[in-house]
C-alpha atoms as a PDB file:
ATOM      1  CA  UNK A   1      60.917 -22.782  62.945  1.00  0.00           C
ATOM      2  CA  UNK A   2      59.810 -19.975  65.203  1.00  0.00           C
ATOM      3  CA  UNK A   3      58.183 -18.253  62.253  1.00  0.00           C
ATOM      4  CA  UNK A   4      56.243 -21.409  61.377  1.00  0.00           C
ATOM      5  CA  UNK A   5      54.950 -21.842  64.919  1.00  0.00           C
ATOM      6  CA  UNK A   6      53.959 -18.205  65.033  1.00  0.00           C
ATOM      7  CA  UNK A   7      51.949 -18.507  61.787  1.00  0.00           C
ATOM      8  CA  UNK A   8      50.138 -21.650  63.010  1.00  0.00           C
ATOM      9  CA  UNK A   9      49.244 -20.036  66.315  1.00  0.00           C
ATOM     10  CA  UNK A  10      47.909 -16.943  64.539  1.00  0.00           C
ATOM     11  CA  UNK A  11      45.596 -18.996  62.299  1.00  0.00           C
ATOM     12  CA  UNK A  12      44.290 -21.025  65.279  1.00  0.00           C
ATOM     13  CA  UNK A  13      43.624 -17.832  67.199  1.00  0.00           C
ATOM     14  CA  UNK A  14      41.607 -16.418  64.294  1.00  0.00           C
ATOM     15  CA  UNK A  15      39.317 -19.443  64.063  1.00  0.00           C
ATOM     16  CA  UNK A  16      38.834 -19.638  67.833  1.00  0.00           C
ATOM     17  CA  UNK A  17      37.965 -15.947  68.040  1.00  0.00           C
ATOM     18  CA  UNK A  18      35.404 -16.283  65.220  1.00  0.00           C
ATOM     19  CA  UNK A  19      33.809 -19.311  66.809  1.00  0.00           C
ATOM     20  CA  UNK A  20      33.500 -17.642  70.143  1.00  0.00           C
ATOM     21  CA  UNK A  21      32.092 -14.409  68.845  1.00  0.00           C
ATOM     22  CA  UNK A  22      28.627 -15.877  68.080  1.00  0.00           C
ATOM     23  CA  UNK A  23      27.600 -13.351  65.395  1.00  0.00           C
ATOM     24  CA  UNK A  24      24.426 -11.534  66.442  1.00  0.00           C
ATOM     25  CA  UNK A  25      21.728 -11.155  63.755  1.00  0.00           C
ATOM     26  CA  UNK A  26      20.506  -7.695  63.064  1.00  0.00           C
ATOM     27  CA  UNK A  27      16.904  -7.711  64.092  1.00  0.00           C
ATOM     28  CA  UNK A  28      16.136  -4.660  61.955  1.00  0.00           C
ATOM     29  CA  UNK A  29      14.683  -7.014  59.328  1.00  0.00           C
ATOM     30  CA  UNK A  30      12.098  -8.193  61.883  1.00  0.00           C
ATOM     31  CA  UNK A  31      11.329  -4.576  62.733  1.00  0.00           C
ATOM     32  CA  UNK A  32      10.809  -3.661  59.059  1.00  0.00           C
ATOM     33  CA  UNK A  33       8.574  -6.669  58.510  1.00  0.00           C
ATOM     34  CA  UNK A  34       6.386  -5.808  61.501  1.00  0.00           C
ATOM     35  CA  UNK A  35       6.190  -2.187  60.369  1.00  0.00           C
ATOM     36  CA  UNK A  36       5.140  -3.315  56.899  1.00  0.00           C
ATOM     37  CA  UNK A  37       2.420  -5.522  58.341  1.00  0.00           C
ATOM     38  CA  UNK A  38       1.198  -2.663  60.509  1.00  0.00           C
ATOM     39  CA  UNK A  39       0.946  -0.300  57.521  1.00  0.00           C
ATOM     40  CA  UNK A  40      -0.895  -2.919  55.478  1.00  0.00           C
ATOM     41  CA  UNK A  41      -3.418  -3.456  58.268  1.00  0.00           C
ATOM     42  CA  UNK A  42      -3.887   0.280  58.955  1.00  0.00           C
ATOM     43  CA  UNK A  43      -4.437   1.695  55.445  1.00  0.00           C
ATOM     44  CA  UNK A  44      -7.448   1.053  53.220  1.00  0.00           C
ATOM     45  CA  UNK A  45      -6.293  -0.109  49.808  1.00  0.00           C
ATOM     46  CA  UNK A  46      -8.325   0.405  46.620  1.00  0.00           C
ATOM     47  CA  UNK A  47      -8.745  -2.211  43.941  1.00  0.00           C
ATOM     48  CA  UNK A  48      -6.306  -2.151  41.017  1.00  0.00           C
ATOM     49  CA  UNK A  49      -7.581  -0.149  38.062  1.00  0.00           C
ATOM     50  CA  UNK A  50      -7.645  -2.041  34.749  1.00  0.00           C
ATOM     51  CA  UNK A  51      -5.704  -4.916  36.258  1.00  0.00           C
ATOM     52  CA  UNK A  52      -6.000  -6.910  33.014  1.00  0.00           C
ATOM     53  CA  UNK A  53      -4.199  -4.167  31.083  1.00  0.00           C
ATOM     54  CA  UNK A  54      -1.437  -3.896  33.650  1.00  0.00           C
ATOM     55  CA  UNK A  55      -0.780  -7.612  33.461  1.00  0.00           C
ATOM     56  CA  UNK A  56      -1.193  -7.932  29.665  1.00  0.00           C
ATOM     57  CA  UNK A  57       1.877  -9.264  27.872  1.00  0.00           C
ATOM     58  CA  UNK A  58       3.945  -6.651  26.054  1.00  0.00           C
ATOM     59  CA  UNK A  59       3.683  -6.811  22.286  1.00  0.00           C
ATOM     60  CA  UNK A  60       7.007  -6.480  20.563  1.00  0.00           C
ATOM     61  CA  UNK A  61       6.853  -4.095  17.618  1.00  0.00           C
ATOM     62  CA  UNK A  62       9.431  -4.805  14.944  1.00  0.00           C
ATOM     63  CA  UNK A  63       9.140  -1.235  13.656  1.00  0.00           C
ATOM     64  CA  UNK A  64      10.261   0.217  17.026  1.00  0.00           C
ATOM     65  CA  UNK A  65       6.926   1.929  17.572  1.00  0.00           C
ATOM     66  CA  UNK A  66       6.923   3.740  14.230  1.00  0.00           C
ATOM     67  CA  UNK A  67       4.310   3.141  11.554  1.00  0.00           C
ATOM     68  CA  UNK A  68       5.383   3.547   7.961  1.00  0.00           C
ATOM     69  CA  UNK A  69       2.804   5.421   5.860  1.00  0.00           C
ATOM     70  CA  UNK A  70       2.935   4.547   2.189  1.00  0.00           C
ATOM     71  CA  UNK A  71       1.081   5.878  -0.846  1.00  0.00           C
ATOM     72  CA  UNK A  72      -0.744   2.571  -1.096  1.00  0.00           C
ATOM     73  CA  UNK A  73      -1.938   2.757   2.508  1.00  0.00           C
ATOM     74  CA  UNK A  74      -3.246   6.298   1.974  1.00  0.00           C
ATOM     75  CA  UNK A  75      -5.122   5.280  -1.171  1.00  0.00           C
ATOM     76  CA  UNK A  76      -6.570   2.288   0.648  1.00  0.00           C
ATOM     77  CA  UNK A  77      -7.604   4.433   3.615  1.00  0.00           C
ATOM     78  CA  UNK A  78      -9.248   6.994   1.338  1.00  0.00           C
ATOM     79  CA  UNK A  79     -11.205   4.332  -0.527  1.00  0.00           C
ATOM     80  CA  UNK A  80     -12.210   2.511   2.632  1.00  0.00           C
ATOM     81  CA  UNK A  81     -13.150   5.589   4.658  1.00  0.00           C
ATOM     82  CA  UNK A  82     -14.542   7.593   1.721  1.00  0.00           C
ATOM     83  CA  UNK A  83     -12.366  10.627   2.549  1.00  0.00           C
ATOM     84  CA  UNK A  84     -12.470  13.558   0.131  1.00  0.00           C
ATOM     85  CA  UNK A  85      -9.195  14.529  -1.525  1.00  0.00           C
ATOM     86  CA  UNK A  86      -7.403  17.541  -0.026  1.00  0.00           C
ATOM     87  CA  UNK A  87      -5.891  20.120  -2.410  1.00  0.00           C
ATOM     88  CA  UNK A  88      -3.504  22.991  -1.722  1.00  0.00           C
ATOM     89  CA  UNK A  89      -4.719  26.503  -2.381  1.00  0.00           C
ATOM     90  CA  UNK A  90      -3.288  29.903  -3.244  1.00  0.00           C
ATOM     91  CA  UNK A  91      -4.567  33.328  -2.384  1.00  0.00           C
ATOM     92  CA  UNK A  92      -6.897  34.780  -5.032  1.00  0.00           C
ATOM     93  CA  UNK A  93      -7.071  31.662  -7.215  1.00  0.00           C
ATOM     94  CA  UNK A  94      -8.299  29.196  -4.590  1.00  0.00           C
ATOM     95  CA  UNK A  95      -7.846  25.440  -4.704  1.00  0.00           C
ATOM     96  CA  UNK A  96      -5.394  23.943  -7.175  1.00  0.00           C
ATOM     97  CA  UNK A  97      -7.953  21.393  -8.228  1.00  0.00           C
ATOM     98  CA  UNK A  98      -8.828  20.657 -11.840  1.00  0.00           C
ATOM     99  CA  UNK A  99     -10.760  17.456 -11.215  1.00  0.00           C
ATOM    100  CA  UNK A 100     -13.977  19.012 -12.532  1.00  0.00           C
ATOM    101  CA  UNK A 101     -12.420  19.438 -16.001  1.00  0.00           C
ATOM    102  CA  UNK A 102     -12.288  16.726 -18.622  1.00  0.00           C
ATOM    103  CA  UNK A 103      -8.899  15.765 -20.026  1.00  0.00           C
ATOM    104  CA  UNK A 104      -9.720  17.538 -23.291  1.00  0.00           C
ATOM    105  CA  UNK A 105     -10.794  20.733 -21.514  1.00  0.00           C
ATOM    106  CA  UNK A 106      -7.713  20.784 -19.300  1.00  0.00           C
ATOM    107  CA  UNK A 107      -5.334  20.223 -22.212  1.00  0.00           C
ATOM    108  CA  UNK A 108      -6.921  23.079 -24.157  1.00  0.00           C
ATOM    109  CA  UNK A 109      -6.703  25.436 -21.181  1.00  0.00           C
ATOM    110  CA  UNK A 110      -3.044  24.509 -20.646  1.00  0.00           C
ATOM    111  CA  UNK A 111      -2.260  25.170 -24.317  1.00  0.00           C
ATOM    112  CA  UNK A 112      -3.982  28.544 -24.081  1.00  0.00           C
ATOM    113  CA  UNK A 113      -2.116  29.537 -20.906  1.00  0.00           C
ATOM    114  CA  UNK A 114       1.142  28.468 -22.528  1.00  0.00           C
ATOM    115  CA  UNK A 115       0.432  30.675 -25.542  1.00  0.00           C
ATOM    116  CA  UNK A 116       0.424  33.772 -23.313  1.00  0.00           C
ATOM    117  CA  UNK A 117       4.043  32.939 -22.448  1.00  0.00           C
ATOM    118  CA  UNK A 118       5.313  31.714 -25.821  1.00  0.00           C
ATOM    119  CA  UNK A 119       3.255  34.276 -27.808  1.00  0.00           C
ATOM    120  CA  UNK A 120       2.643  31.624 -30.439  1.00  0.00           C
ATOM    121  CA  UNK A 121      -0.811  31.058 -31.979  1.00  0.00           C
ATOM    122  CA  UNK A 122      -2.248  33.394 -29.389  1.00  0.00           C
ATOM    123  CA  UNK A 123      -4.998  34.782 -31.608  1.00  0.00           C
ATOM    124  CA  UNK A 124      -6.279  31.291 -32.411  1.00  0.00           C
ATOM    125  CA  UNK A 125      -7.249  30.819 -28.764  1.00  0.00           C
ATOM    126  CA  UNK A 126      -9.757  33.684 -28.858  1.00  0.00           C
ATOM    127  CA  UNK A 127     -13.303  33.647 -30.077  1.00  0.00           C
ATOM    128  CA  UNK A 128     -13.446  35.323 -33.520  1.00  0.00           C
ATOM    129  CA  UNK A 129     -15.987  37.794 -32.190  1.00  0.00           C
ATOM    130  CA  UNK A 130     -13.754  38.725 -29.252  1.00  0.00           C
ATOM    131  CA  UNK A 131     -10.290  39.185 -30.743  1.00  0.00           C
ATOM    132  CA  UNK A 132     -10.126  42.650 -29.161  1.00  0.00           C
ATOM    133  CA  UNK A 133     -10.166  41.037 -25.700  1.00  0.00           C
ATOM    134  CA  UNK A 134      -6.458  40.245 -25.861  1.00  0.00           C
ATOM    135  CA  UNK A 135      -5.535  43.790 -26.894  1.00  0.00           C
ATOM    136  CA  UNK A 136      -7.520  45.166 -23.956  1.00  0.00           C
ATOM    137  CA  UNK A 137      -5.872  42.660 -21.636  1.00  0.00           C
ATOM    138  CA  UNK A 138      -2.399  43.498 -22.960  1.00  0.00           C
ATOM    139  CA  UNK A 139      -3.020  47.231 -22.528  1.00  0.00           C
ATOM    140  CA  UNK A 140      -4.204  46.788 -18.926  1.00  0.00           C
ATOM    141  CA  UNK A 141      -1.312  44.455 -18.112  1.00  0.00           C
ATOM    142  CA  UNK A 142       1.325  46.860 -19.441  1.00  0.00           C
ATOM    143  CA  UNK A 143      -0.275  49.652 -17.480  1.00  0.00           C
ATOM    144  CA  UNK A 144      -0.315  47.483 -14.368  1.00  0.00           C
ATOM    145  CA  UNK A 145       3.360  46.465 -14.484  1.00  0.00           C
ATOM    146  CA  UNK A 146       4.669  49.670 -16.152  1.00  0.00           C
ATOM    147  CA  UNK A 147       8.027  48.087 -17.060  1.00  0.00           C
ATOM    148  CA  UNK A 148       9.148  45.614 -19.723  1.00  0.00           C
ATOM    149  CA  UNK A 149       8.531  42.095 -18.473  1.00  0.00           C
ATOM    150  CA  UNK A 150       8.512  38.476 -19.513  1.00  0.00           C
ATOM    151  CA  UNK A 151       5.944  35.908 -18.415  1.00  0.00           C
ATOM    152  CA  UNK A 152       7.722  32.883 -16.982  1.00  0.00           C
ATOM    153  CA  UNK A 153       5.314  30.393 -15.433  1.00  0.00           C
ATOM    154  CA  UNK A 154       1.728  30.045 -14.312  1.00  0.00           C
ATOM    155  CA  UNK A 155      -0.564  27.962 -12.171  1.00  0.00           C
ATOM    156  CA  UNK A 156      -4.301  27.510 -12.526  1.00  0.00           C
ATOM    157  CA  UNK A 157      -6.911  27.257  -9.803  1.00  0.00           C
ATOM    158  CA  UNK A 158     -10.221  25.467  -9.556  1.00  0.00           C
ATOM    159  CA  UNK A 159     -12.490  25.962 -12.533  1.00  0.00           C
ATOM    160  CA  UNK A 160     -16.159  26.837 -12.485  1.00  0.00           C
ATOM    161  CA  UNK A 161     -17.842  24.867 -15.245  1.00  0.00           C
ATOM    162  CA  UNK A 162     -21.338  25.437 -16.611  1.00  0.00           C
ATOM    163  CA  UNK A 163     -23.046  24.331 -19.820  1.00  0.00           C
ATOM    164  CA  UNK A 164     -21.665  27.170 -21.909  1.00  0.00           C
ATOM    165  CA  UNK A 165     -18.880  28.804 -19.835  1.00  0.00           C
ATOM    166  CA  UNK A 166     -15.651  27.660 -18.188  1.00  0.00           C
ATOM    167  CA  UNK A 167     -14.322  30.205 -15.719  1.00  0.00           C
ATOM    168  CA  UNK A 168     -10.793  29.574 -14.517  1.00  0.00           C
ATOM    169  CA  UNK A 169      -8.427  31.640 -12.311  1.00  0.00           C
ATOM    170  CA  UNK A 170      -4.762  31.773 -13.347  1.00  0.00           C
ATOM    171  CA  UNK A 171      -1.715  33.121 -11.528  1.00  0.00           C
ATOM    172  CA  UNK A 172       1.161  34.238 -13.774  1.00  0.00           C
ATOM    173  CA  UNK A 173       4.726  34.798 -12.607  1.00  0.00           C
ATOM    174  CA  UNK A 174       6.955  37.212 -14.506  1.00  0.00           C
ATOM    175  CA  UNK A 175      10.401  38.806 -14.540  1.00  0.00           C
ATOM    176  CA  UNK A 176      11.294  42.365 -15.398  1.00  0.00           C
ATOM    177  CA  UNK A 177      13.471  42.690 -18.490  1.00  0.00           C
ATOM    178  CA  UNK A 178      15.069  45.391 -20.605  1.00  0.00           C
ATOM    179  CA  UNK A 179      13.265  46.753 -23.663  1.00  0.00           C
ATOM    180  CA  UNK A 180      15.257  44.667 -26.142  1.00  0.00           C
ATOM    181  CA  UNK A 181      13.994  41.439 -24.587  1.00  0.00           C
ATOM    182  CA  UNK A 182      10.390  42.384 -23.903  1.00  0.00           C
ATOM    183  CA  UNK A 183       9.074  41.067 -27.228  1.00  0.00           C
ATOM    184  CA  UNK A 184      11.175  37.927 -27.567  1.00  0.00           C
ATOM    185  CA  UNK A 185       9.516  34.526 -27.580  1.00  0.00           C
ATOM    186  CA  UNK A 186       9.875  32.392 -24.504  1.00  0.00           C
ATOM    187  CA  UNK A 187      10.113  28.606 -24.523  1.00  0.00           C
ATOM    188  CA  UNK A 188       7.451  26.935 -22.443  1.00  0.00           C
ATOM    189  CA  UNK A 189       7.882  23.649 -20.638  1.00  0.00           C
ATOM    190  CA  UNK A 190       5.245  21.037 -21.421  1.00  0.00           C
ATOM    191  CA  UNK A 191       5.237  20.003 -17.774  1.00  0.00           C
ATOM    192  CA  UNK A 192       2.193  21.810 -16.469  1.00  0.00           C
ATOM    193  CA  UNK A 193       2.423  23.591 -13.120  1.00  0.00           C
ATOM    194  CA  UNK A 194       5.995  22.512 -12.476  1.00  0.00           C
ATOM    195  CA  UNK A 195       6.992  25.308 -10.119  1.00  0.00           C
ATOM    196  CA  UNK A 196      10.074  25.622  -7.970  1.00  0.00           C
ATOM    197  CA  UNK A 197      10.037  27.229  -4.546  1.00  0.00           C
ATOM    198  CA  UNK A 198      12.055  30.116  -5.959  1.00  0.00           C
ATOM    199  CA  UNK A 199       9.299  30.873  -8.495  1.00  0.00           C
ATOM    200  CA  UNK A 200       7.016  32.119  -5.729  1.00  0.00           C
ATOM    201  CA  UNK A 201       9.455  34.942  -5.050  1.00  0.00           C
ATOM    202  CA  UNK A 202       8.813  36.300  -8.543  1.00  0.00           C
ATOM    203  CA  UNK A 203       6.301  39.121  -9.031  1.00  0.00           C
ATOM    204  CA  UNK A 204       2.926  37.887 -10.168  1.00  0.00           C
ATOM    205  CA  UNK A 205      -0.628  38.812 -11.098  1.00  0.00           C
ATOM    206  CA  UNK A 206      -3.911  36.928 -11.167  1.00  0.00           C
ATOM    207  CA  UNK A 207      -6.581  36.834 -13.842  1.00  0.00           C
ATOM    208  CA  UNK A 208      -9.814  35.019 -14.569  1.00  0.00           C
ATOM    209  CA  UNK A 209     -10.136  33.626 -18.088  1.00  0.00           C
ATOM    210  CA  UNK A 210     -13.621  32.929 -19.426  1.00  0.00           C
ATOM    211  CA  UNK A 211     -13.857  30.238 -22.095  1.00  0.00           C
ATOM    212  CA  UNK A 212     -16.820  29.360 -24.247  1.00  0.00           C
ATOM    213  CA  UNK A 213     -17.634  25.748 -23.497  1.00  0.00           C
ATOM    214  CA  UNK A 214     -18.941  23.971 -26.567  1.00  0.00           C
ATOM    215  CA  UNK A 215     -18.526  20.563 -28.115  1.00  0.00           C
ATOM    216  CA  UNK A 216     -16.736  22.087 -31.109  1.00  0.00           C
ATOM    217  CA  UNK A 217     -14.125  24.271 -29.411  1.00  0.00           C
ATOM    218  CA  UNK A 218     -13.054  26.076 -26.267  1.00  0.00           C
ATOM    219  CA  UNK A 219     -12.212  29.725 -26.929  1.00  0.00           C
ATOM    220  CA  UNK A 220     -11.502  32.802 -24.781  1.00  0.00           C
ATOM    221  CA  UNK A 221     -14.239  35.398 -24.731  1.00  0.00           C
ATOM    222  CA  UNK A 222     -13.237  37.477 -21.695  1.00  0.00           C
ATOM    223  CA  UNK A 223     -10.284  38.158 -19.354  1.00  0.00           C
ATOM    224  CA  UNK A 224     -10.522  39.950 -16.023  1.00  0.00           C
ATOM    225  CA  UNK A 225      -7.868  40.909 -13.488  1.00  0.00           C
ATOM    226  CA  UNK A 226      -8.297  39.782  -9.886  1.00  0.00           C
ATOM    227  CA  UNK A 227      -7.565  42.731  -7.612  1.00  0.00           C
END
């Protein structure tokens, strides 16, 4: 009973003390408001720059801000903007661009370049009046490398085409071999200019091949080394 009376008296005392305390409001909020008004009246404020842009609604991008570039979009852009094609280039042979050759010319040049590797039908690619050209080329090449070697791959640069001459730079990659393998035939892939990154670590040399350009045939009439 005493405990109950004590609990009731404690609760009543708490409420009476709260009621009599008359909580005082912190007037700091009034002070801050007056200070804010004073600053606003004192300083000169400039107009908002591009207010319409600042208040424009945000456009949600489903691609998270990234634009996907596809082959189709590049082709469309090139056709619409009339942008010239960009080709890679290599030192000494220039741009890897054969767009100025007809399909027939390019196929013949590829067959001829392949024959230097496979050593098949090589003589048939030379003009009958210039069969010695290959022997001179072979002599200079052997003197240049000075060790048994095997041509592996090649890549051709941009051709210069006139009415009677096609001048085309070619870069050949080769591997050194022993003497027993130096004269063996090498299989050539039909996939033109299919080079791996590792191929560019192979030793190489560059030449310019001059072809006669006629309606009847395209034949080699001169080969020069590019120093």
